[in-house]
């Protein structure tokens, strides 16, 4: 699936979610903090949402970002071949996210590869699911993670486990960027 096709499928899914939740664009704008115009452009597939925007929508719909994106991505039983591993990009923030193993009703965890360009910074005002269990291994570069009041700075090879709560942010090393593997476990 190419990026344009993926963006159109994501746009259609977001529009369908809004309808399923019986919300107008104005109501969704009010509860998500995202402008009506931006929501409209996203739902028409004119622009791709940023990571922050997707997170805000996931909060409204009470689902994880991986769960939302898995509804758009191709699925496989237990073997997920490289050509099925969909790449989603937030070009504005310099974030690439590849779904290595998608969410499933039969398994509690999913595996994600993330890349942040040098100096990239992403902040999430709320987690899509409070207390979501995550495990991160930094493959290359450097990464500073803040979750609520805790801050960790990781270097290549470091591992971190945490529960998402409150405001969180991911800040890539200024010249090296960050390349990591993330395991997300649903309860």
C-alpha atoms as a PDB file:
ATOM      1  CA  UNK A   1       0.000   0.000   0.000  1.00  0.00           C
ATOM      2  CA  UNK A   2       1.581   3.314  -1.042  1.00  0.00           C
ATOM      3  CA  UNK A   3       1.505   6.462   1.125  1.00  0.00           C
ATOM      4  CA  UNK A   4      -1.348   8.090  -0.828  1.00  0.00           C
ATOM      5  CA  UNK A   5      -3.517   4.961  -0.594  1.00  0.00           C
ATOM      6  CA  UNK A   6      -2.683   4.636   3.110  1.00  0.00           C
ATOM      7  CA  UNK A   7      -3.600   8.281   3.756  1.00  0.00           C
ATOM      8  CA  UNK A   8      -6.946   7.811   1.983  1.00  0.00           C
ATOM      9  CA  UNK A   9      -7.724   4.675   4.014  1.00  0.00           C
ATOM     10  CA  UNK A  10      -6.786   6.461   7.242  1.00  0.00           C
ATOM     11  CA  UNK A  11      -8.961   9.432   6.239  1.00  0.00           C
ATOM     12  CA  UNK A  12     -11.919   7.146   5.556  1.00  0.00           C
ATOM     13  CA  UNK A  13     -11.463   5.340   8.885  1.00  0.00           C
ATOM     14  CA  UNK A  14     -11.294   8.617  10.833  1.00  0.00           C
ATOM     15  CA  UNK A  15     -14.438   9.884   9.110  1.00  0.00           C
ATOM     16  CA  UNK A  16     -16.205   6.602   9.889  1.00  0.00           C
ATOM     17  CA  UNK A  17     -15.168   6.779  13.555  1.00  0.00           C
ATOM     18  CA  UNK A  18     -16.596  10.288  13.853  1.00  0.00           C
ATOM     19  CA  UNK A  19     -19.904   9.108  12.388  1.00  0.00           C
ATOM     20  CA  UNK A  20     -19.941   5.982  14.612  1.00  0.00           C
ATOM     21  CA  UNK A  21     -19.528   8.220  17.649  1.00  0.00           C
ATOM     22  CA  UNK A  22     -22.356  10.494  16.436  1.00  0.00           C
ATOM     23  CA  UNK A  23     -20.202  13.613  16.335  1.00  0.00           C
ATOM     24  CA  UNK A  24     -20.250  16.525  13.941  1.00  0.00           C
ATOM     25  CA  UNK A  25     -16.966  18.106  12.887  1.00  0.00           C
ATOM     26  CA  UNK A  26     -17.747  20.992  15.261  1.00  0.00           C
ATOM     27  CA  UNK A  27     -18.320  18.633  18.205  1.00  0.00           C
ATOM     28  CA  UNK A  28     -15.166  16.656  17.438  1.00  0.00           C
ATOM     29  CA  UNK A  29     -13.217  19.896  17.174  1.00  0.00           C
ATOM     30  CA  UNK A  30     -14.524  20.997  20.562  1.00  0.00           C
ATOM     31  CA  UNK A  31     -13.634  17.780  22.409  1.00  0.00           C
ATOM     32  CA  UNK A  32     -10.310  17.130  20.636  1.00  0.00           C
ATOM     33  CA  UNK A  33      -8.914  20.659  20.484  1.00  0.00           C
ATOM     34  CA  UNK A  34      -8.245  20.238  16.753  1.00  0.00           C
ATOM     35  CA  UNK A  35      -9.651  22.868  14.419  1.00  0.00           C
ATOM     36  CA  UNK A  36     -12.694  21.977  12.351  1.00  0.00           C
ATOM     37  CA  UNK A  37     -10.826  22.920   9.167  1.00  0.00           C
ATOM     38  CA  UNK A  38      -7.940  20.582   9.997  1.00  0.00           C
ATOM     39  CA  UNK A  39     -10.317  17.730  10.819  1.00  0.00           C
ATOM     40  CA  UNK A  40     -12.151  18.267   7.547  1.00  0.00           C
ATOM     41  CA  UNK A  41      -8.911  18.258   5.518  1.00  0.00           C
ATOM     42  CA  UNK A  42      -7.756  15.083   7.294  1.00  0.00           C
ATOM     43  CA  UNK A  43     -11.058  13.293   6.656  1.00  0.00           C
ATOM     44  CA  UNK A  44     -10.917  14.255   2.962  1.00  0.00           C
ATOM     45  CA  UNK A  45      -7.349  12.876   2.747  1.00  0.00           C
ATOM     46  CA  UNK A  46      -5.888  16.265   1.800  1.00  0.00           C
ATOM     47  CA  UNK A  47      -3.359  16.175   4.640  1.00  0.00           C
ATOM     48  CA  UNK A  48      -1.902  13.471   6.819  1.00  0.00           C
ATOM     49  CA  UNK A  49      -2.442  13.931  10.562  1.00  0.00           C
ATOM     50  CA  UNK A  50       0.562  14.473  12.810  1.00  0.00           C
ATOM     51  CA  UNK A  51       1.317  12.111  15.687  1.00  0.00           C
ATOM     52  CA  UNK A  52      -0.102  14.654  18.148  1.00  0.00           C
ATOM     53  CA  UNK A  53      -3.351  14.997  16.188  1.00  0.00           C
ATOM     54  CA  UNK A  54      -3.779  11.218  15.939  1.00  0.00           C
ATOM     55  CA  UNK A  55      -3.158  10.933  19.677  1.00  0.00           C
ATOM     56  CA  UNK A  56      -5.854  13.550  20.416  1.00  0.00           C
ATOM     57  CA  UNK A  57      -8.322  11.651  18.221  1.00  0.00           C
ATOM     58  CA  UNK A  58      -7.401   8.353  19.888  1.00  0.00           C
ATOM     59  CA  UNK A  59      -8.143   9.909  23.270  1.00  0.00           C
ATOM     60  CA  UNK A  60     -11.603  10.952  22.063  1.00  0.00           C
ATOM     61  CA  UNK A  61     -12.268   7.489  20.603  1.00  0.00           C
ATOM     62  CA  UNK A  62     -10.638   5.700  23.594  1.00  0.00           C
ATOM     63  CA  UNK A  63      -8.264   3.615  21.514  1.00  0.00           C
ATOM     64  CA  UNK A  64      -4.527   3.319  21.063  1.00  0.00           C
ATOM     65  CA  UNK A  65      -2.826   4.792  18.024  1.00  0.00           C
ATOM     66  CA  UNK A  66      -1.654   1.299  17.098  1.00  0.00           C
ATOM     67  CA  UNK A  67      -5.209   0.020  17.329  1.00  0.00           C
ATOM     68  CA  UNK A  68      -6.434   2.797  15.045  1.00  0.00           C
ATOM     69  CA  UNK A  69      -3.664   2.307  12.513  1.00  0.00           C
ATOM     70  CA  UNK A  70      -4.080  -1.475  12.599  1.00  0.00           C
ATOM     71  CA  UNK A  71      -7.644  -0.986  11.371  1.00  0.00           C
ATOM     72  CA  UNK A  72      -6.170   0.706   8.300  1.00  0.00           C
ATOM     73  CA  UNK A  73      -3.163  -1.538   7.782  1.00  0.00           C
ATOM     74  CA  UNK A  74      -3.042  -4.926   6.171  1.00  0.00           C
ATOM     75  CA  UNK A  75      -3.261  -7.832   8.581  1.00  0.00           C
ATOM     76  CA  UNK A  76      -1.766 -11.304   8.754  1.00  0.00           C
ATOM     77  CA  UNK A  77      -2.284 -14.260  11.035  1.00  0.00           C
ATOM     78  CA  UNK A  78       0.924 -14.880  12.973  1.00  0.00           C
ATOM     79  CA  UNK A  79       3.535 -14.186  10.301  1.00  0.00           C
ATOM     80  CA  UNK A  80       3.764 -10.557   9.291  1.00  0.00           C
ATOM     81  CA  UNK A  81       6.021 -10.251   6.244  1.00  0.00           C
ATOM     82  CA  UNK A  82       8.099  -7.177   5.543  1.00  0.00           C
ATOM     83  CA  UNK A  83       5.832  -6.112   2.658  1.00  0.00           C
ATOM     84  CA  UNK A  84       2.888  -6.114   5.103  1.00  0.00           C
ATOM     85  CA  UNK A  85       4.665  -3.851   7.601  1.00  0.00           C
ATOM     86  CA  UNK A  86       3.070  -0.519   6.849  1.00  0.00           C
ATOM     87  CA  UNK A  87       5.119   2.630   7.286  1.00  0.00           C
ATOM     88  CA  UNK A  88       3.312   5.716   8.593  1.00  0.00           C
ATOM     89  CA  UNK A  89       5.097   9.067   8.489  1.00  0.00           C
ATOM     90  CA  UNK A  90       4.592  12.311  10.335  1.00  0.00           C
ATOM     91  CA  UNK A  91       6.753  14.435   8.050  1.00  0.00           C
ATOM     92  CA  UNK A  92       6.202  17.667   9.976  1.00  0.00           C
ATOM     93  CA  UNK A  93       7.637  16.213  13.183  1.00  0.00           C
ATOM     94  CA  UNK A  94      10.199  13.914  11.538  1.00  0.00           C
ATOM     95  CA  UNK A  95       8.641  10.685  12.843  1.00  0.00           C
ATOM     96  CA  UNK A  96       8.436   7.339  11.040  1.00  0.00           C
ATOM     97  CA  UNK A  97       6.485   4.433  12.503  1.00  0.00           C
ATOM     98  CA  UNK A  98       6.542   0.907  11.089  1.00  0.00           C
ATOM     99  CA  UNK A  99       4.112  -1.671  12.454  1.00  0.00           C
ATOM    100  CA  UNK A 100       6.186  -4.854  12.788  1.00  0.00           C
ATOM    101  CA  UNK A 101       3.544  -6.919  14.616  1.00  0.00           C
ATOM    102  CA  UNK A 102       0.048  -5.391  14.763  1.00  0.00           C
ATOM    103  CA  UNK A 103      -2.462  -5.467  17.606  1.00  0.00           C
ATOM    104  CA  UNK A 104      -4.519  -8.635  17.729  1.00  0.00           C
ATOM    105  CA  UNK A 105      -7.371  -9.997  19.776  1.00  0.00           C
ATOM    106  CA  UNK A 106      -5.284 -13.136  20.395  1.00  0.00           C
ATOM    107  CA  UNK A 107      -2.142 -11.382  21.716  1.00  0.00           C
ATOM    108  CA  UNK A 108      -1.585  -8.695  24.357  1.00  0.00           C
ATOM    109  CA  UNK A 109       1.456  -7.013  22.769  1.00  0.00           C
ATOM    110  CA  UNK A 110       2.372  -5.325  19.520  1.00  0.00           C
ATOM    111  CA  UNK A 111       5.810  -4.420  18.135  1.00  0.00           C
ATOM    112  CA  UNK A 112       6.612  -1.062  16.531  1.00  0.00           C
ATOM    113  CA  UNK A 113       9.774   0.353  14.967  1.00  0.00           C
ATOM    114  CA  UNK A 114      10.147   4.099  15.416  1.00  0.00           C
ATOM    115  CA  UNK A 115      12.559   6.600  13.907  1.00  0.00           C
ATOM    116  CA  UNK A 116      12.865  10.258  14.839  1.00  0.00           C
ATOM    117  CA  UNK A 117      15.045  12.592  12.770  1.00  0.00           C
ATOM    118  CA  UNK A 118      17.789  14.523  14.592  1.00  0.00           C
ATOM    119  CA  UNK A 119      16.292  17.069  16.979  1.00  0.00           C
ATOM    120  CA  UNK A 120      12.712  15.823  16.524  1.00  0.00           C
ATOM    121  CA  UNK A 121      10.351  16.470  19.422  1.00  0.00           C
ATOM    122  CA  UNK A 122       6.863  15.051  19.867  1.00  0.00           C
ATOM    123  CA  UNK A 123       4.602  15.804  22.820  1.00  0.00           C
ATOM    124  CA  UNK A 124       1.363  14.045  23.717  1.00  0.00           C
ATOM    125  CA  UNK A 125      -0.926  15.933  26.111  1.00  0.00           C
ATOM    126  CA  UNK A 126      -2.673  12.740  27.242  1.00  0.00           C
ATOM    127  CA  UNK A 127      -2.168   9.041  26.612  1.00  0.00           C
ATOM    128  CA  UNK A 128      -4.865   7.371  24.524  1.00  0.00           C
ATOM    129  CA  UNK A 129      -5.203   4.805  27.327  1.00  0.00           C
ATOM    130  CA  UNK A 130      -4.072   5.699  30.885  1.00  0.00           C
ATOM    131  CA  UNK A 131      -1.388   3.392  32.273  1.00  0.00           C
ATOM    132  CA  UNK A 132      -0.627   1.724  28.941  1.00  0.00           C
ATOM    133  CA  UNK A 133       2.388  -0.574  29.449  1.00  0.00           C
ATOM    134  CA  UNK A 134       5.325   0.028  27.074  1.00  0.00           C
ATOM    135  CA  UNK A 135       8.841  -1.351  26.608  1.00  0.00           C
ATOM    136  CA  UNK A 136      11.399   0.510  24.519  1.00  0.00           C
ATOM    137  CA  UNK A 137      14.858  -0.519  23.261  1.00  0.00           C
ATOM    138  CA  UNK A 138      17.002   2.168  21.619  1.00  0.00           C
ATOM    139  CA  UNK A 139      18.734   0.674  18.558  1.00  0.00           C
ATOM    140  CA  UNK A 140      20.657   3.820  17.564  1.00  0.00           C
ATOM    141  CA  UNK A 141      20.994   7.492  18.404  1.00  0.00           C
ATOM    142  CA  UNK A 142      19.790   9.125  21.596  1.00  0.00           C
ATOM    143  CA  UNK A 143      16.348   9.704  23.056  1.00  0.00           C
ATOM    144  CA  UNK A 144      14.933  11.601  26.015  1.00  0.00           C
ATOM    145  CA  UNK A 145      11.537  10.427  27.187  1.00  0.00           C
ATOM    146  CA  UNK A 146       9.354  12.278  29.659  1.00  0.00           C
ATOM    147  CA  UNK A 147       6.273  10.602  31.124  1.00  0.00           C
ATOM    148  CA  UNK A 148       4.338  12.735  33.574  1.00  0.00           C
ATOM    149  CA  UNK A 149       7.057  13.852  36.032  1.00  0.00           C
ATOM    150  CA  UNK A 150       9.737  11.264  35.173  1.00  0.00           C
ATOM    151  CA  UNK A 151      12.509  11.895  32.624  1.00  0.00           C
ATOM    152  CA  UNK A 152      14.894   9.341  31.136  1.00  0.00           C
ATOM    153  CA  UNK A 153      17.730   9.931  28.687  1.00  0.00           C
ATOM    154  CA  UNK A 154      18.675   6.833  26.705  1.00  0.00           C
ATOM    155  CA  UNK A 155      21.718   6.053  24.616  1.00  0.00           C
ATOM    156  CA  UNK A 156      22.198   3.284  22.064  1.00  0.00           C
ATOM    157  CA  UNK A 157      21.438  -0.124  23.585  1.00  0.00           C
ATOM    158  CA  UNK A 158      19.502   1.197  26.604  1.00  0.00           C
ATOM    159  CA  UNK A 159      16.082  -0.252  27.492  1.00  0.00           C
ATOM    160  CA  UNK A 160      13.194   1.355  29.320  1.00  0.00           C
ATOM    161  CA  UNK A 161       9.821   0.165  30.542  1.00  0.00           C
ATOM    162  CA  UNK A 162       7.076   2.539  31.612  1.00  0.00           C
ATOM    163  CA  UNK A 163       3.343   3.125  31.952  1.00  0.00           C
ATOM    164  CA  UNK A 164       1.921   6.075  30.034  1.00  0.00           C
ATOM    165  CA  UNK A 165       0.290   8.663  32.258  1.00  0.00           C
ATOM    166  CA  UNK A 166      -0.156  12.402  31.946  1.00  0.00           C
ATOM    167  CA  UNK A 167       1.849  14.424  29.452  1.00  0.00           C
ATOM    168  CA  UNK A 168       4.569  12.517  27.612  1.00  0.00           C
ATOM    169  CA  UNK A 169       7.250  13.601  25.170  1.00  0.00           C
ATOM    170  CA  UNK A 170       9.926  12.048  22.991  1.00  0.00           C
ATOM    171  CA  UNK A 171      12.970  14.117  22.073  1.00  0.00           C
ATOM    172  CA  UNK A 172      15.587  12.748  19.659  1.00  0.00           C
ATOM    173  CA  UNK A 173      19.300  13.492  19.942  1.00  0.00           C
ATOM    174  CA  UNK A 174      20.177  16.720  18.099  1.00  0.00           C
ATOM    175  CA  UNK A 175      22.573  15.172  15.583  1.00  0.00           C
ATOM    176  CA  UNK A 176      21.983  11.409  15.823  1.00  0.00           C
ATOM    177  CA  UNK A 177      18.198  11.179  15.882  1.00  0.00           C
ATOM    178  CA  UNK A 178      16.652   8.060  17.410  1.00  0.00           C
ATOM    179  CA  UNK A 179      15.834   4.581  16.130  1.00  0.00           C
ATOM    180  CA  UNK A 180      13.973   2.298  18.539  1.00  0.00           C
ATOM    181  CA  UNK A 181      11.786  -0.750  18.959  1.00  0.00           C
ATOM    182  CA  UNK A 182       8.658  -0.358  21.079  1.00  0.00           C
ATOM    183  CA  UNK A 183       6.487  -3.074  22.567  1.00  0.00           C
ATOM    184  CA  UNK A 184       3.004  -1.890  23.574  1.00  0.00           C
ATOM    185  CA  UNK A 185       0.958  -4.187  25.828  1.00  0.00           C
ATOM    186  CA  UNK A 186      -2.754  -3.823  26.286  1.00  0.00           C
ATOM    187  CA  UNK A 187      -4.276  -4.944  29.551  1.00  0.00           C
END
